[in-house]
mmCIF file of all heavy atoms, coordinates in Angstrom:
data_MODEL
# 
_entry.id   MODEL 
# 
loop_
_atom_site.group_PDB 
_atom_site.id 
_atom_site.type_symbol 
_atom_site.label_atom_id 
_atom_site.label_alt_id 
_atom_site.label_comp_id 
_atom_site.label_asym_id 
_atom_site.label_entity_id 
_atom_site.label_seq_id 
_atom_site.pdbx_PDB_ins_code 
_atom_site.Cartn_x 
_atom_site.Cartn_y 
_atom_site.Cartn_z 
_atom_site.occupancy 
_atom_site.B_iso_or_equiv 
_atom_site.pdbx_formal_charge 
_atom_site.auth_seq_id 
_atom_site.auth_comp_id 
_atom_site.auth_asym_id 
_atom_site.auth_atom_id 
_atom_site.pdbx_PDB_model_num 
ATOM 1   N N   . ILE A 1 1  ? -9.805  2.412   2.384   1.00 0.00 ? 1  ILE A N   1 
ATOM 2   C CA  . ILE A 1 1  ? -9.993  3.400   1.320   1.00 0.00 ? 1  ILE A CA  1 
ATOM 3   C C   . ILE A 1 1  ? -8.890  3.262   0.269   1.00 0.00 ? 1  ILE A C   1 
ATOM 4   O O   . ILE A 1 1  ? -9.132  3.355   -0.940  1.00 0.00 ? 1  ILE A O   1 
ATOM 5   C CB  . ILE A 1 1  ? -10.023 4.821   1.906   1.00 0.00 ? 1  ILE A CB  1 
ATOM 6   C CG1 . ILE A 1 1  ? -11.277 4.994   2.776   1.00 0.00 ? 1  ILE A CG1 1 
ATOM 7   C CG2 . ILE A 1 1  ? -9.988  5.874   0.799   1.00 0.00 ? 1  ILE A CG2 1 
ATOM 8   C CD1 . ILE A 1 1  ? -11.343 6.312   3.516   1.00 0.00 ? 1  ILE A CD1 1 
ATOM 9   N N   . SER A 1 2  ? -7.669  3.002   0.733   1.00 0.00 ? 2  SER A N   1 
ATOM 10  C CA  . SER A 1 2  ? -6.566  2.820   -0.222  1.00 0.00 ? 2  SER A CA  1 
ATOM 11  C C   . SER A 1 2  ? -6.783  1.582   -1.084  1.00 0.00 ? 2  SER A C   1 
ATOM 12  O O   . SER A 1 2  ? -6.396  1.560   -2.258  1.00 0.00 ? 2  SER A O   1 
ATOM 13  C CB  . SER A 1 2  ? -5.233  2.725   0.518   1.00 0.00 ? 2  SER A CB  1 
ATOM 14  O OG  . SER A 1 2  ? -5.001  1.433   1.040   1.00 0.00 ? 2  SER A OG  1 
ATOM 15  N N   . GLU A 1 3  ? -7.410  0.540   -0.523  1.00 0.00 ? 3  GLU A N   1 
ATOM 16  C CA  . GLU A 1 3  ? -7.726  -0.654  -1.324  1.00 0.00 ? 3  GLU A CA  1 
ATOM 17  C C   . GLU A 1 3  ? -8.707  -0.320  -2.447  1.00 0.00 ? 3  GLU A C   1 
ATOM 18  O O   . GLU A 1 3  ? -8.557  -0.803  -3.581  1.00 0.00 ? 3  GLU A O   1 
ATOM 19  C CB  . GLU A 1 3  ? -8.339  -1.734  -0.429  1.00 0.00 ? 3  GLU A CB  1 
ATOM 20  C CG  . GLU A 1 3  ? -7.364  -2.477  0.453   1.00 0.00 ? 3  GLU A CG  1 
ATOM 21  C CD  . GLU A 1 3  ? -8.078  -3.565  1.223   1.00 0.00 ? 3  GLU A CD  1 
ATOM 22  O OE1 . GLU A 1 3  ? -8.412  -4.594  0.617   1.00 0.00 ? 3  GLU A OE1 1 
ATOM 23  O OE2 . GLU A 1 3  ? -8.322  -3.372  2.430   1.00 0.00 ? 3  GLU A OE2 1 
ATOM 24  N N   . ILE A 1 4  ? -9.729  0.464   -2.131  1.00 0.00 ? 4  ILE A N   1 
ATOM 25  C CA  . ILE A 1 4  ? -10.709 0.841   -3.151  1.00 0.00 ? 4  ILE A CA  1 
ATOM 26  C C   . ILE A 1 4  ? -10.025 1.598   -4.281  1.00 0.00 ? 4  ILE A C   1 
ATOM 27  O O   . ILE A 1 4  ? -10.324 1.402   -5.465  1.00 0.00 ? 4  ILE A O   1 
ATOM 28  C CB  . ILE A 1 4  ? -11.832 1.687   -2.518  1.00 0.00 ? 4  ILE A CB  1 
ATOM 29  C CG1 . ILE A 1 4  ? -12.621 0.844   -1.505  1.00 0.00 ? 4  ILE A CG1 1 
ATOM 30  C CG2 . ILE A 1 4  ? -12.763 2.250   -3.583  1.00 0.00 ? 4  ILE A CG2 1 
ATOM 31  C CD1 . ILE A 1 4  ? -13.619 1.634   -0.690  1.00 0.00 ? 4  ILE A CD1 1 
ATOM 32  N N   . LEU A 1 5  ? -9.069  2.445   -3.923  1.00 0.00 ? 5  LEU A N   1 
ATOM 33  C CA  . LEU A 1 5  ? -8.392  3.270   -4.923  1.00 0.00 ? 5  LEU A CA  1 
ATOM 34  C C   . LEU A 1 5  ? -7.314  2.508   -5.684  1.00 0.00 ? 5  LEU A C   1 
ATOM 35  O O   . LEU A 1 5  ? -7.159  2.684   -6.894  1.00 0.00 ? 5  LEU A O   1 
ATOM 36  C CB  . LEU A 1 5  ? -7.763  4.486   -4.232  1.00 0.00 ? 5  LEU A CB  1 
ATOM 37  C CG  . LEU A 1 5  ? -8.739  5.502   -3.640  1.00 0.00 ? 5  LEU A CG  1 
ATOM 38  C CD1 . LEU A 1 5  ? -8.014  6.448   -2.699  1.00 0.00 ? 5  LEU A CD1 1 
ATOM 39  C CD2 . LEU A 1 5  ? -9.437  6.272   -4.743  1.00 0.00 ? 5  LEU A CD2 1 
ATOM 40  N N   . ALA A 1 6  ? -6.557  1.669   -4.995  1.00 0.00 ? 6  ALA A N   1 
ATOM 41  C CA  . ALA A 1 6  ? -5.390  1.035   -5.613  1.00 0.00 ? 6  ALA A CA  1 
ATOM 42  C C   . ALA A 1 6  ? -5.613  -0.429  -5.959  1.00 0.00 ? 6  ALA A C   1 
ATOM 43  O O   . ALA A 1 6  ? -5.303  -0.864  -7.072  1.00 0.00 ? 6  ALA A O   1 
ATOM 44  C CB  . ALA A 1 6  ? -4.177  1.173   -4.688  1.00 0.00 ? 6  ALA A CB  1 
ATOM 45  N N   . SER A 1 7  ? -6.149  -1.214  -5.032  1.00 0.00 ? 7  SER A N   1 
ATOM 46  C CA  . SER A 1 7  ? -6.280  -2.651  -5.262  1.00 0.00 ? 7  SER A CA  1 
ATOM 47  C C   . SER A 1 7  ? -7.373  -2.962  -6.290  1.00 0.00 ? 7  SER A C   1 
ATOM 48  O O   . SER A 1 7  ? -7.133  -3.690  -7.258  1.00 0.00 ? 7  SER A O   1 
ATOM 49  C CB  . SER A 1 7  ? -6.588  -3.370  -3.946  1.00 0.00 ? 7  SER A CB  1 
ATOM 50  O OG  . SER A 1 7  ? -6.713  -4.760  -4.150  1.00 0.00 ? 7  SER A OG  1 
ATOM 51  N N   . ILE A 1 8  ? -8.562  -2.411  -6.105  1.00 0.00 ? 8  ILE A N   1 
ATOM 52  C CA  . ILE A 1 8  ? -9.650  -2.662  -7.059  1.00 0.00 ? 8  ILE A CA  1 
ATOM 53  C C   . ILE A 1 8  ? -9.272  -2.134  -8.438  1.00 0.00 ? 8  ILE A C   1 
ATOM 54  O O   . ILE A 1 8  ? -9.493  -2.797  -9.457  1.00 0.00 ? 8  ILE A O   1 
ATOM 55  C CB  . ILE A 1 8  ? -10.956 -2.002  -6.578  1.00 0.00 ? 8  ILE A CB  1 
ATOM 56  C CG1 . ILE A 1 8  ? -11.419 -2.633  -5.256  1.00 0.00 ? 8  ILE A CG1 1 
ATOM 57  C CG2 . ILE A 1 8  ? -12.050 -2.128  -7.628  1.00 0.00 ? 8  ILE A CG2 1 
ATOM 58  C CD1 . ILE A 1 8  ? -12.639 -1.978  -4.660  1.00 0.00 ? 8  ILE A CD1 1 
ATOM 59  N N   . THR A 1 9  ? -8.688  -0.954  -8.471  1.00 0.00 ? 9  THR A N   1 
ATOM 60  C CA  . THR A 1 9  ? -8.307  -0.361  -9.746  1.00 0.00 ? 9  THR A CA  1 
ATOM 61  C C   . THR A 1 9  ? -7.215  -1.178  -10.426 1.00 0.00 ? 9  THR A C   1 
ATOM 62  O O   . THR A 1 9  ? -7.175  -1.277  -11.662 1.00 0.00 ? 9  THR A O   1 
ATOM 63  C CB  . THR A 1 9  ? -7.831  1.088   -9.537  1.00 0.00 ? 9  THR A CB  1 
ATOM 64  O OG1 . THR A 1 9  ? -8.816  1.794   -8.785  1.00 0.00 ? 9  THR A OG1 1 
ATOM 65  C CG2 . THR A 1 9  ? -7.628  1.790   -10.868 1.00 0.00 ? 9  THR A CG2 1 
ATOM 66  N N   . GLY A 1 10 ? -6.335  -1.801  -9.638  1.00 0.00 ? 10 GLY A N   1 
ATOM 67  C CA  . GLY A 1 10 ? -5.322  -2.669  -10.215 1.00 0.00 ? 10 GLY A CA  1 
ATOM 68  C C   . GLY A 1 10 ? -5.934  -3.875  -10.904 1.00 0.00 ? 10 GLY A C   1 
ATOM 69  O O   . GLY A 1 10 ? -5.497  -4.287  -11.987 1.00 0.00 ? 10 GLY A O   1 
ATOM 70  N N   . LEU A 1 11 ? -6.972  -4.470  -10.295 1.00 0.00 ? 11 LEU A N   1 
ATOM 71  C CA  . LEU A 1 11 ? -7.679  -5.585  -10.934 1.00 0.00 ? 11 LEU A CA  1 
ATOM 72  C C   . LEU A 1 11 ? -8.300  -5.152  -12.257 1.00 0.00 ? 11 LEU A C   1 
ATOM 73  O O   . LEU A 1 11 ? -8.207  -5.847  -13.275 1.00 0.00 ? 11 LEU A O   1 
ATOM 74  C CB  . LEU A 1 11 ? -8.774  -6.112  -9.994  1.00 0.00 ? 11 LEU A CB  1 
ATOM 75  C CG  . LEU A 1 11 ? -8.327  -6.775  -8.688  1.00 0.00 ? 11 LEU A CG  1 
ATOM 76  C CD1 . LEU A 1 11 ? -9.542  -7.045  -7.807  1.00 0.00 ? 11 LEU A CD1 1 
ATOM 77  C CD2 . LEU A 1 11 ? -7.576  -8.067  -8.960  1.00 0.00 ? 11 LEU A CD2 1 
ATOM 78  N N   . GLU A 1 12 ? -8.947  -4.003  -12.229 1.00 0.00 ? 12 GLU A N   1 
ATOM 79  C CA  . GLU A 1 12 ? -9.570  -3.466  -13.446 1.00 0.00 ? 12 GLU A CA  1 
ATOM 80  C C   . GLU A 1 12 ? -8.516  -3.202  -14.519 1.00 0.00 ? 12 GLU A C   1 
ATOM 81  O O   . GLU A 1 12 ? -8.705  -3.531  -15.701 1.00 0.00 ? 12 GLU A O   1 
ATOM 82  C CB  . GLU A 1 12 ? -10.308 -2.170  -13.097 1.00 0.00 ? 12 GLU A CB  1 
ATOM 83  C CG  . GLU A 1 12 ? -10.760 -1.354  -14.284 1.00 0.00 ? 12 GLU A CG  1 
ATOM 84  C CD  . GLU A 1 12 ? -10.907 0.119   -13.940 1.00 0.00 ? 12 GLU A CD  1 
ATOM 85  O OE1 . GLU A 1 12 ? -11.216 0.446   -12.776 1.00 0.00 ? 12 GLU A OE1 1 
ATOM 86  O OE2 . GLU A 1 12 ? -10.701 0.937   -14.846 1.00 0.00 ? 12 GLU A OE2 1 
ATOM 87  N N   . TYR A 1 13 ? -7.390  -2.618  -14.130 1.00 0.00 ? 13 TYR A N   1 
ATOM 88  C CA  . TYR A 1 13 ? -6.334  -2.273  -15.084 1.00 0.00 ? 13 TYR A CA  1 
ATOM 89  C C   . TYR A 1 13 ? -5.743  -3.524  -15.717 1.00 0.00 ? 13 TYR A C   1 
ATOM 90  O O   . TYR A 1 13 ? -5.463  -3.559  -16.919 1.00 0.00 ? 13 TYR A O   1 
ATOM 91  C CB  . TYR A 1 13 ? -5.245  -1.485  -14.349 1.00 0.00 ? 13 TYR A CB  1 
ATOM 92  C CG  . TYR A 1 13 ? -4.404  -0.611  -15.253 1.00 0.00 ? 13 TYR A CG  1 
ATOM 93  C CD1 . TYR A 1 13 ? -4.895  0.599   -15.747 1.00 0.00 ? 13 TYR A CD1 1 
ATOM 94  C CD2 . TYR A 1 13 ? -3.106  -0.980  -15.598 1.00 0.00 ? 13 TYR A CD2 1 
ATOM 95  C CE1 . TYR A 1 13 ? -4.122  1.407   -16.561 1.00 0.00 ? 13 TYR A CE1 1 
ATOM 96  C CE2 . TYR A 1 13 ? -2.327  -0.174  -16.419 1.00 0.00 ? 13 TYR A CE2 1 
ATOM 97  C CZ  . TYR A 1 13 ? -2.838  1.011   -16.892 1.00 0.00 ? 13 TYR A CZ  1 
ATOM 98  O OH  . TYR A 1 13 ? -2.072  1.808   -17.712 1.00 0.00 ? 13 TYR A OH  1 
ATOM 99  N N   . ALA A 1 14 ? -5.559  -4.574  -14.912 1.00 0.00 ? 14 ALA A N   1 
ATOM 100 C CA  . ALA A 1 14 ? -5.019  -5.828  -15.437 1.00 0.00 ? 14 ALA A CA  1 
ATOM 101 C C   . ALA A 1 14 ? -5.958  -6.421  -16.479 1.00 0.00 ? 14 ALA A C   1 
ATOM 102 O O   . ALA A 1 14 ? -5.509  -6.940  -17.513 1.00 0.00 ? 14 ALA A O   1 
ATOM 103 C CB  . ALA A 1 14 ? -4.792  -6.820  -14.301 1.00 0.00 ? 14 ALA A CB  1 
ATOM 104 N N   . PHE A 1 15 ? -7.256  -6.348  -16.243 1.00 0.00 ? 15 PHE A N   1 
ATOM 105 C CA  . PHE A 1 15 ? -8.222  -6.927  -17.186 1.00 0.00 ? 15 PHE A CA  1 
ATOM 106 C C   . PHE A 1 15 ? -8.318  -6.111  -18.467 1.00 0.00 ? 15 PHE A C   1 
ATOM 107 O O   . PHE A 1 15 ? -8.275  -6.663  -19.574 1.00 0.00 ? 15 PHE A O   1 
ATOM 108 C CB  . PHE A 1 15 ? -9.597  -7.020  -16.520 1.00 0.00 ? 15 PHE A CB  1 
ATOM 109 C CG  . PHE A 1 15 ? -10.657 -7.591  -17.427 1.00 0.00 ? 15 PHE A CG  1 
ATOM 110 C CD1 . PHE A 1 15 ? -10.817 -8.960  -17.543 1.00 0.00 ? 15 PHE A CD1 1 
ATOM 111 C CD2 . PHE A 1 15 ? -11.490 -6.758  -18.161 1.00 0.00 ? 15 PHE A CD2 1 
ATOM 112 C CE1 . PHE A 1 15 ? -11.785 -9.495  -18.384 1.00 0.00 ? 15 PHE A CE1 1 
ATOM 113 C CE2 . PHE A 1 15 ? -12.462 -7.272  -19.006 1.00 0.00 ? 15 PHE A CE2 1 
ATOM 114 C CZ  . PHE A 1 15 ? -12.610 -8.656  -19.115 1.00 0.00 ? 15 PHE A CZ  1 
ATOM 115 N N   . THR A 1 16 ? -8.442  -4.795  -18.339 1.00 0.00 ? 16 THR A N   1 
ATOM 116 C CA  . THR A 1 16 ? -8.703  -3.967  -19.516 1.00 0.00 ? 16 THR A CA  1 
ATOM 117 C C   . THR A 1 16 ? -7.477  -3.787  -20.399 1.00 0.00 ? 16 THR A C   1 
ATOM 118 O O   . THR A 1 16 ? -7.608  -3.444  -21.580 1.00 0.00 ? 16 THR A O   1 
ATOM 119 C CB  . THR A 1 16 ? -9.217  -2.574  -19.094 1.00 0.00 ? 16 THR A CB  1 
ATOM 120 O OG1 . THR A 1 16 ? -8.258  -1.954  -18.224 1.00 0.00 ? 16 THR A OG1 1 
ATOM 121 C CG2 . THR A 1 16 ? -10.551 -2.692  -18.371 1.00 0.00 ? 16 THR A CG2 1 
ATOM 122 N N   . LYS A 1 17 ? -6.283  -4.016  -19.876 1.00 0.00 ? 17 LYS A N   1 
ATOM 123 C CA  . LYS A 1 17 ? -5.071  -3.788  -20.666 1.00 0.00 ? 17 LYS A CA  1 
ATOM 124 C C   . LYS A 1 17 ? -4.490  -5.072  -21.246 1.00 0.00 ? 17 LYS A C   1 
ATOM 125 O O   . LYS A 1 17 ? -3.433  -5.034  -21.890 1.00 0.00 ? 17 LYS A O   1 
ATOM 126 C CB  . LYS A 1 17 ? -4.013  -3.083  -19.809 1.00 0.00 ? 17 LYS A CB  1 
ATOM 127 C CG  . LYS A 1 17 ? -4.440  -1.735  -19.256 1.00 0.00 ? 17 LYS A CG  1 
ATOM 128 C CD  . LYS A 1 17 ? -4.829  -0.772  -20.362 1.00 0.00 ? 17 LYS A CD  1 
ATOM 129 C CE  . LYS A 1 17 ? -5.191  0.596   -19.828 1.00 0.00 ? 17 LYS A CE  1 
ATOM 130 N NZ  . LYS A 1 17 ? -6.472  0.640   -19.125 1.00 0.00 ? 17 LYS A NZ  1 
ATOM 131 N N   . ALA A 1 18 ? -5.112  -6.207  -21.021 1.00 0.00 ? 18 ALA A N   1 
ATOM 132 C CA  . ALA A 1 18 ? -4.576  -7.483  -21.506 1.00 0.00 ? 18 ALA A CA  1 
ATOM 133 C C   . ALA A 1 18 ? -5.325  -7.969  -22.740 1.00 0.00 ? 18 ALA A C   1 
ATOM 134 O O   . ALA A 1 18 ? -6.532  -7.757  -22.860 1.00 0.00 ? 18 ALA A O   1 
ATOM 135 C CB  . ALA A 1 18 ? -4.676  -8.545  -20.405 1.00 0.00 ? 18 ALA A CB  1 
ATOM 136 N N   . PRO A 1 19 ? -4.634  -8.641  -23.689 1.00 0.00 ? 19 PRO A N   1 
ATOM 137 C CA  . PRO A 1 19 ? -5.352  -9.350  -24.751 1.00 0.00 ? 19 PRO A CA  1 
ATOM 138 C C   . PRO A 1 19 ? -6.256  -10.418 -24.141 1.00 0.00 ? 19 PRO A C   1 
ATOM 139 O O   . PRO A 1 19 ? -5.981  -10.918 -23.039 1.00 0.00 ? 19 PRO A O   1 
ATOM 140 C CB  . PRO A 1 19 ? -4.221  -10.004 -25.571 1.00 0.00 ? 19 PRO A CB  1 
ATOM 141 C CG  . PRO A 1 19 ? -2.994  -9.243  -25.229 1.00 0.00 ? 19 PRO A CG  1 
ATOM 142 C CD  . PRO A 1 19 ? -3.174  -8.775  -23.817 1.00 0.00 ? 19 PRO A CD  1 
ATOM 143 N N   . LYS A 1 20 ? -7.331  -10.786 -24.827 1.00 0.00 ? 20 LYS A N   1 
ATOM 144 C CA  . LYS A 1 20 ? -8.268  -11.748 -24.261 1.00 0.00 ? 20 LYS A CA  1 
ATOM 145 C C   . LYS A 1 20 ? -7.605  -13.069 -23.885 1.00 0.00 ? 20 LYS A C   1 
ATOM 146 O O   . LYS A 1 20 ? -7.983  -13.696 -22.898 1.00 0.00 ? 20 LYS A O   1 
ATOM 147 C CB  . LYS A 1 20 ? -9.404  -12.017 -25.254 1.00 0.00 ? 20 LYS A CB  1 
ATOM 148 C CG  . LYS A 1 20 ? -10.391 -10.873 -25.409 1.00 0.00 ? 20 LYS A CG  1 
ATOM 149 C CD  . LYS A 1 20 ? -11.523 -11.261 -26.351 1.00 0.00 ? 20 LYS A CD  1 
ATOM 150 C CE  . LYS A 1 20 ? -12.516 -10.123 -26.517 1.00 0.00 ? 20 LYS A CE  1 
ATOM 151 N NZ  . LYS A 1 20 ? -13.619 -10.488 -27.437 1.00 0.00 ? 20 LYS A NZ  1 
ATOM 152 N N   . ASN A 1 21 ? -6.625  -13.493 -24.693 1.00 0.00 ? 21 ASN A N   1 
ATOM 153 C CA  . ASN A 1 21 ? -5.996  -14.783 -24.411 1.00 0.00 ? 21 ASN A CA  1 
ATOM 154 C C   . ASN A 1 21 ? -4.826  -14.678 -23.445 1.00 0.00 ? 21 ASN A C   1 
ATOM 155 O O   . ASN A 1 21 ? -4.066  -15.622 -23.278 1.00 0.00 ? 21 ASN A O   1 
ATOM 156 C CB  . ASN A 1 21 ? -5.545  -15.450 -25.717 1.00 0.00 ? 21 ASN A CB  1 
ATOM 157 C CG  . ASN A 1 21 ? -4.536  -14.612 -26.484 1.00 0.00 ? 21 ASN A CG  1 
ATOM 158 O OD1 . ASN A 1 21 ? -4.330  -13.439 -26.189 1.00 0.00 ? 21 ASN A OD1 1 
ATOM 159 N ND2 . ASN A 1 21 ? -3.918  -15.217 -27.479 1.00 0.00 ? 21 ASN A ND2 1 
ATOM 160 N N   . MET A 1 22 ? -4.668  -13.510 -22.794 1.00 0.00 ? 22 MET A N   1 
ATOM 161 C CA  . MET A 1 22 ? -3.622  -13.354 -21.780 1.00 0.00 ? 22 MET A CA  1 
ATOM 162 C C   . MET A 1 22 ? -4.169  -12.750 -20.491 1.00 0.00 ? 22 MET A C   1 
ATOM 163 O O   . MET A 1 22 ? -3.411  -12.310 -19.637 1.00 0.00 ? 22 MET A O   1 
ATOM 164 C CB  . MET A 1 22 ? -2.483  -12.478 -22.312 1.00 0.00 ? 22 MET A CB  1 
ATOM 165 C CG  . MET A 1 22 ? -1.640  -13.124 -23.395 1.00 0.00 ? 22 MET A CG  1 
ATOM 166 S SD  . MET A 1 22 ? -0.232  -12.105 -23.885 1.00 0.00 ? 22 MET A SD  1 
ATOM 167 C CE  . MET A 1 22 ? 0.768   -12.147 -22.390 1.00 0.00 ? 22 MET A CE  1 
ATOM 168 N N   . ARG A 1 23 ? -5.501  -12.734 -20.345 1.00 0.00 ? 23 ARG A N   1 
ATOM 169 C CA  . ARG A 1 23 ? -6.075  -12.042 -19.191 1.00 0.00 ? 23 ARG A CA  1 
ATOM 170 C C   . ARG A 1 23 ? -5.694  -12.690 -17.868 1.00 0.00 ? 23 ARG A C   1 
ATOM 171 O O   . ARG A 1 23 ? -5.409  -12.009 -16.889 1.00 0.00 ? 23 ARG A O   1 
ATOM 172 C CB  . ARG A 1 23 ? -7.598  -11.974 -19.343 1.00 0.00 ? 23 ARG A CB  1 
ATOM 173 C CG  . ARG A 1 23 ? -8.031  -10.879 -20.303 1.00 0.00 ? 23 ARG A CG  1 
ATOM 174 C CD  . ARG A 1 23 ? -9.511  -10.917 -20.594 1.00 0.00 ? 23 ARG A CD  1 
ATOM 175 N NE  . ARG A 1 23 ? -9.896  -9.787  -21.440 1.00 0.00 ? 23 ARG A NE  1 
ATOM 176 C CZ  . ARG A 1 23 ? -11.065 -9.687  -22.053 1.00 0.00 ? 23 ARG A CZ  1 
ATOM 177 N NH1 . ARG A 1 23 ? -11.967 -10.651 -21.926 1.00 0.00 ? 23 ARG A NH1 1 
ATOM 178 N NH2 . ARG A 1 23 ? -11.334 -8.636  -22.802 1.00 0.00 ? 23 ARG A NH2 1 
ATOM 179 N N   . SER A 1 24 ? -5.685  -14.017 -17.826 1.00 0.00 ? 24 SER A N   1 
ATOM 180 C CA  . SER A 1 24 ? -5.291  -14.685 -16.591 1.00 0.00 ? 24 SER A CA  1 
ATOM 181 C C   . SER A 1 24 ? -3.824  -14.427 -16.280 1.00 0.00 ? 24 SER A C   1 
ATOM 182 O O   . SER A 1 24 ? -3.444  -14.231 -15.127 1.00 0.00 ? 24 SER A O   1 
ATOM 183 C CB  . SER A 1 24 ? -5.556  -16.195 -16.683 1.00 0.00 ? 24 SER A CB  1 
ATOM 184 O OG  . SER A 1 24 ? -6.937  -16.461 -16.662 1.00 0.00 ? 24 SER A OG  1 
ATOM 185 N N   . LEU A 1 25 ? -2.983  -14.417 -17.317 1.00 0.00 ? 25 LEU A N   1 
ATOM 186 C CA  . LEU A 1 25 ? -1.555  -14.193 -17.106 1.00 0.00 ? 25 LEU A CA  1 
ATOM 187 C C   . LEU A 1 25 ? -1.276  -12.782 -16.595 1.00 0.00 ? 25 LEU A C   1 
ATOM 188 O O   . LEU A 1 25 ? -0.474  -12.598 -15.668 1.00 0.00 ? 25 LEU A O   1 
ATOM 189 C CB  . LEU A 1 25 ? -0.796  -14.438 -18.406 1.00 0.00 ? 25 LEU A CB  1 
ATOM 190 C CG  . LEU A 1 25 ? -0.590  -15.904 -18.793 1.00 0.00 ? 25 LEU A CG  1 
ATOM 191 C CD1 . LEU A 1 25 ? -0.108  -16.016 -20.234 1.00 0.00 ? 25 LEU A CD1 1 
ATOM 192 C CD2 . LEU A 1 25 ? 0.398   -16.572 -17.836 1.00 0.00 ? 25 LEU A CD2 1 
ATOM 193 N N   . ILE A 1 26 ? -1.931  -11.781 -17.170 1.00 0.00 ? 26 ILE A N   1 
ATOM 194 C CA  . ILE A 1 26 ? -1.715  -10.416 -16.709 1.00 0.00 ? 26 ILE A CA  1 
ATOM 195 C C   . ILE A 1 26 ? -2.298  -10.226 -15.311 1.00 0.00 ? 26 ILE A C   1 
ATOM 196 O O   . ILE A 1 26 ? -1.723  -9.528  -14.471 1.00 0.00 ? 26 ILE A O   1 
ATOM 197 C CB  . ILE A 1 26 ? -2.322  -9.401  -17.703 1.00 0.00 ? 26 ILE A CB  1 
ATOM 198 C CG1 . ILE A 1 26 ? -1.707  -9.594  -19.098 1.00 0.00 ? 26 ILE A CG1 1 
ATOM 199 C CG2 . ILE A 1 26 ? -2.086  -7.977  -17.227 1.00 0.00 ? 26 ILE A CG2 1 
ATOM 200 C CD1 . ILE A 1 26 ? -0.207  -9.486  -19.145 1.00 0.00 ? 26 ILE A CD1 1 
ATOM 201 N N   . MET A 1 27 ? -3.441  -10.874 -15.045 1.00 0.00 ? 27 MET A N   1 
ATOM 202 C CA  . MET A 1 27 ? -3.991  -10.832 -13.691 1.00 0.00 ? 27 MET A CA  1 
ATOM 203 C C   . MET A 1 27 ? -3.023  -11.486 -12.708 1.00 0.00 ? 27 MET A C   1 
ATOM 204 O O   . MET A 1 27 ? -2.813  -10.986 -11.594 1.00 0.00 ? 27 MET A O   1 
ATOM 205 C CB  . MET A 1 27 ? -5.344  -11.531 -13.647 1.00 0.00 ? 27 MET A CB  1 
ATOM 206 C CG  . MET A 1 27 ? -6.075  -11.395 -12.309 1.00 0.00 ? 27 MET A CG  1 
ATOM 207 S SD  . MET A 1 27 ? -6.474  -9.667  -11.899 1.00 0.00 ? 27 MET A SD  1 
ATOM 208 C CE  . MET A 1 27 ? -7.658  -9.287  -13.198 1.00 0.00 ? 27 MET A CE  1 
# 
């Protein structure tokens, strides 16, 4: 349950907060 709340959301946060040309780097 903690993975659903923290790990998945971390992946989403890394993608949505990065410029398109830095998405892999922020991930």
